[in-house]
Amino acid sequence: MKKVSLVLFSILLSGVLGCEALNTENKKSNSDDKIVKEDEEVEVKSLYMIDSYMKSVEENLEAKSETLISNIKELHKYTIYSKVELLDFVAFVDDPSEFNLSITMFSMDRPANEVFNEGKDSTFFAGSLGMIENVRYTHLLGNQTEDFWDFYEKNEEEINLAEKQAFANWVAD
């Protein structure tokens, strides 16, 4: 697998992200931005807060749950090649500015090498399978773009952790 993945999902989802607690201080609105109006400081609150952004992400993912569940159920119809020991679900965000998530399932052996059906019997499955593609996990209106990216850059580390957790929870659920 040469693609860099955003999050690795596997049968053993526990421990993927550990028990990292999110920093609640950054959940407050960004009040560091200030403007001066007639010699007095006025706080300018961001339109975005981490909690509300993550709620939006979770709602957008939830809207696609039935599609993901249906595609995962399709796996039961496959006869898995005997050398496959793990099914590895990987989420890809190819261009973060597009907010699209795709999940691909890879058949793997224990050392984490992708397994392919090397036999002539095509009734056995091994390889990769797209589980869901281009799930839009957030939406921006044209006039929100600059404000959003300011918010995102100021909170990038926390948002990245929260997004990964949301993606993992969505698949696990």
Protein backbone atom coordinates (compact mmCIF):
# COMPACT_ATOMS: atom_id res chain seq x y z
CA MET A 1 0.00 0.00 0.00
CA LYS A 2 1.76 3.11 -1.16
CA LYS A 3 -1.09 5.56 -0.51
CA VAL A 4 -0.79 7.52 2.69
CA SER A 5 -3.93 7.00 4.69
CA LEU A 6 -5.61 9.36 7.07
CA VAL A 7 -6.86 6.65 9.38
CA LEU A 8 -6.36 2.90 9.47
CA PHE A 9 -9.41 0.90 10.42
CA SER A 10 -9.09 -2.78 11.12
CA ILE A 11 -10.95 -5.52 12.84
CA LEU A 12 -9.15 -4.46 16.00
CA LEU A 13 -10.38 -0.86 16.13
CA SER A 14 -9.66 -0.59 19.81
CA GLY A 15 -6.38 1.10 20.33
CA VAL A 16 -6.34 2.81 16.91
CA LEU A 17 -6.58 6.16 18.51
CA GLY A 18 -5.96 5.16 22.11
CA CYS A 19 -7.69 6.92 24.91
CA GLU A 20 -6.58 10.38 23.93
CA ALA A 21 -8.76 13.00 25.55
CA LEU A 22 -9.55 16.06 23.53
CA ASN A 23 -8.32 19.35 24.91
CA THR A 24 -11.45 21.12 26.07
CA GLU A 25 -9.80 24.50 26.13
CA ASN A 26 -9.84 24.65 22.34
CA LYS A 27 -13.55 23.89 22.30
CA LYS A 28 -14.24 27.46 23.27
CA SER A 29 -14.83 29.89 20.46
CA ASN A 30 -11.73 31.59 19.20
CA SER A 31 -11.63 34.86 21.07
CA ASP A 32 -8.03 35.72 20.35
CA ASP A 33 -9.07 37.74 17.31
CA LYS A 34 -9.79 41.30 18.34
CA ILE A 35 -10.48 44.47 16.49
CA VAL A 36 -10.21 48.06 17.67
CA LYS A 37 -13.29 50.18 17.20
CA GLU A 38 -13.24 53.77 18.42
CA ASP A 39 -10.43 53.14 20.93
CA GLU A 40 -12.10 50.15 22.55
CA GLU A 41 -11.36 46.49 22.07
CA VAL A 42 -14.20 44.38 20.78
CA GLU A 43 -13.90 40.62 20.61
CA VAL A 44 -14.73 39.01 17.31
CA LYS A 45 -16.03 35.50 17.86
CA SER A 46 -15.39 32.88 15.27
CA LEU A 47 -18.36 31.49 13.42
CA TYR A 48 -16.87 28.09 14.14
CA MET A 49 -16.34 26.10 17.29
CA ILE A 50 -14.84 22.64 17.47
CA ASP A 51 -17.95 21.13 19.06
CA SER A 52 -20.29 22.46 16.40
CA TYR A 53 -17.90 21.55 13.58
CA MET A 54 -17.57 17.99 14.87
CA LYS A 55 -21.34 17.68 15.31
CA SER A 56 -21.68 18.62 11.65
CA VAL A 57 -19.04 16.03 10.65
CA GLU A 58 -20.81 13.31 12.65
CA GLU A 59 -24.21 14.21 11.15
CA ASN A 60 -22.82 14.12 7.61
CA LEU A 61 -21.23 10.73 8.24
CA GLU A 62 -24.41 9.39 9.83
CA ALA A 63 -26.34 10.33 6.70
CA LYS A 64 -24.21 7.81 4.77
CA SER A 65 -24.37 5.01 7.37
CA GLU A 66 -26.96 2.92 5.55
CA THR A 67 -24.79 2.85 2.42
CA LEU A 68 -21.71 1.80 4.41
CA ILE A 69 -23.67 -0.84 6.35
CA SER A 70 -25.10 -2.25 3.14
CA ASN A 71 -21.65 -2.44 1.55
CA ILE A 72 -20.15 -4.12 4.61
CA LYS A 73 -22.99 -6.67 4.62
CA GLU A 74 -22.05 -7.52 1.03
CA LEU A 75 -18.76 -8.92 2.39
CA HIS A 76 -20.71 -11.89 3.78
CA LYS A 77 -21.41 -12.98 0.20
CA TYR A 78 -17.71 -13.40 -0.55
CA THR A 79 -15.72 -16.56 -0.02
CA ILE A 80 -12.46 -15.24 1.36
CA TYR A 81 -9.21 -16.73 0.11
CA SER A 82 -7.61 -18.98 2.74
CA LYS A 83 -4.42 -16.90 3.06
CA VAL A 84 -6.38 -13.83 4.17
CA GLU A 85 -6.10 -13.35 7.94
CA LEU A 86 -7.35 -9.78 8.40
CA LEU A 87 -9.71 -7.39 6.69
CA ASP A 88 -8.19 -3.94 6.95
CA PHE A 89 -10.43 -0.91 6.48
CA VAL A 90 -8.56 2.24 5.49
CA ALA A 91 -10.05 5.72 5.23
CA PHE A 92 -8.55 8.08 2.68
CA VAL A 93 -8.92 11.82 2.48
CA ASP A 94 -7.08 12.58 -0.74
CA ASP A 95 -7.65 16.34 -0.66
CA PRO A 96 -8.63 17.71 2.77
CA SER A 97 -10.01 20.90 1.21
CA GLU A 98 -12.68 18.80 -0.53
CA PHE A 99 -13.85 17.11 2.71
CA ASN A 100 -14.40 13.77 1.00
CA LEU A 101 -13.72 10.49 2.75
CA SER A 102 -13.41 7.12 1.02
CA ILE A 103 -13.01 3.75 2.72
CA THR A 104 -11.33 0.76 1.11
CA MET A 105 -11.12 -2.75 2.55
CA PHE A 106 -7.88 -4.66 1.99
CA SER A 107 -7.38 -8.37 2.55
CA MET A 108 -4.20 -8.85 4.58
CA ASP A 109 -2.00 -11.43 6.22
CA ARG A 110 -0.82 -11.08 9.85
CA PRO A 111 2.38 -9.13 8.97
CA ALA A 112 0.11 -6.54 7.25
CA ASN A 113 0.87 -7.45 3.65
CA GLU A 114 -1.97 -7.29 1.16
CA VAL A 115 -3.04 -10.74 0.00
CA PHE A 116 -4.19 -11.45 -3.54
CA ASN A 117 -5.83 -14.57 -4.91
CA GLU A 118 -2.92 -16.18 -6.67
CA GLY A 119 -4.87 -19.27 -7.58
CA LYS A 120 -6.92 -19.88 -10.68
CA ASP A 121 -10.18 -20.21 -8.78
CA SER A 122 -11.94 -16.86 -9.10
CA THR A 123 -14.65 -17.86 -6.60
CA PHE A 124 -12.31 -16.87 -3.76
CA PHE A 125 -11.89 -13.20 -2.91
CA ALA A 126 -8.62 -11.51 -2.05
CA GLY A 127 -7.48 -7.99 -2.79
CA SER A 128 -9.17 -4.67 -2.17
CA LEU A 129 -12.73 -3.50 -2.32
CA GLY A 130 -14.10 0.03 -2.14
CA MET A 131 -16.58 0.16 0.74
CA ILE A 132 -17.75 3.75 0.23
CA GLU A 133 -16.44 6.64 -1.82
CA ASN A 134 -16.57 10.41 -1.68
CA VAL A 135 -18.51 10.80 1.55
CA ARG A 136 -18.75 14.55 2.05
CA TYR A 137 -18.16 15.00 5.77
CA THR A 138 -18.62 18.78 5.92
CA HIS A 139 -19.98 21.53 3.72
CA LEU A 140 -18.87 25.13 3.38
CA LEU A 141 -20.81 27.97 1.86
CA GLY A 142 -18.77 30.16 -0.45
CA ASN A 143 -18.77 33.10 1.94
CA GLN A 144 -17.52 30.94 4.86
CA THR A 145 -14.32 29.67 3.31
CA GLU A 146 -11.84 32.19 4.71
CA ASP A 147 -13.35 32.13 8.22
CA PHE A 148 -13.39 28.34 8.22
CA TRP A 149 -9.74 27.95 7.21
CA ASP A 150 -8.68 30.50 9.85
CA PHE A 151 -10.57 28.45 12.45
CA TYR A 152 -9.17 25.17 11.10
CA GLU A 153 -5.55 26.35 11.12
CA LYS A 154 -5.81 27.61 14.70
CA ASN A 155 -7.25 24.29 15.88
CA GLU A 156 -5.74 21.87 13.37
CA GLU A 157 -4.19 19.40 15.79
CA GLU A 158 -7.34 19.02 17.87
CA ILE A 159 -9.60 18.91 14.82
CA ASN A 160 -7.46 16.23 13.17
CA LEU A 161 -7.70 14.04 16.27
CA ALA A 162 -11.43 14.64 16.57
CA GLU A 163 -12.01 13.87 12.86
CA LYS A 164 -10.04 10.62 13.13
CA GLN A 165 -12.04 9.64 16.20
CA ALA A 166 -15.31 10.47 14.43
CA PHE A 167 -14.31 8.39 11.38
CA ALA A 168 -13.30 5.43 13.57
CA ASN A 169 -16.48 5.65 15.66
CA TRP A 170 -18.62 5.83 12.54
CA VAL A 171 -17.13 2.66 11.06
CA ALA A 172 -17.17 0.86 14.42
CA ASP A 173 -20.81 1.80 15.02
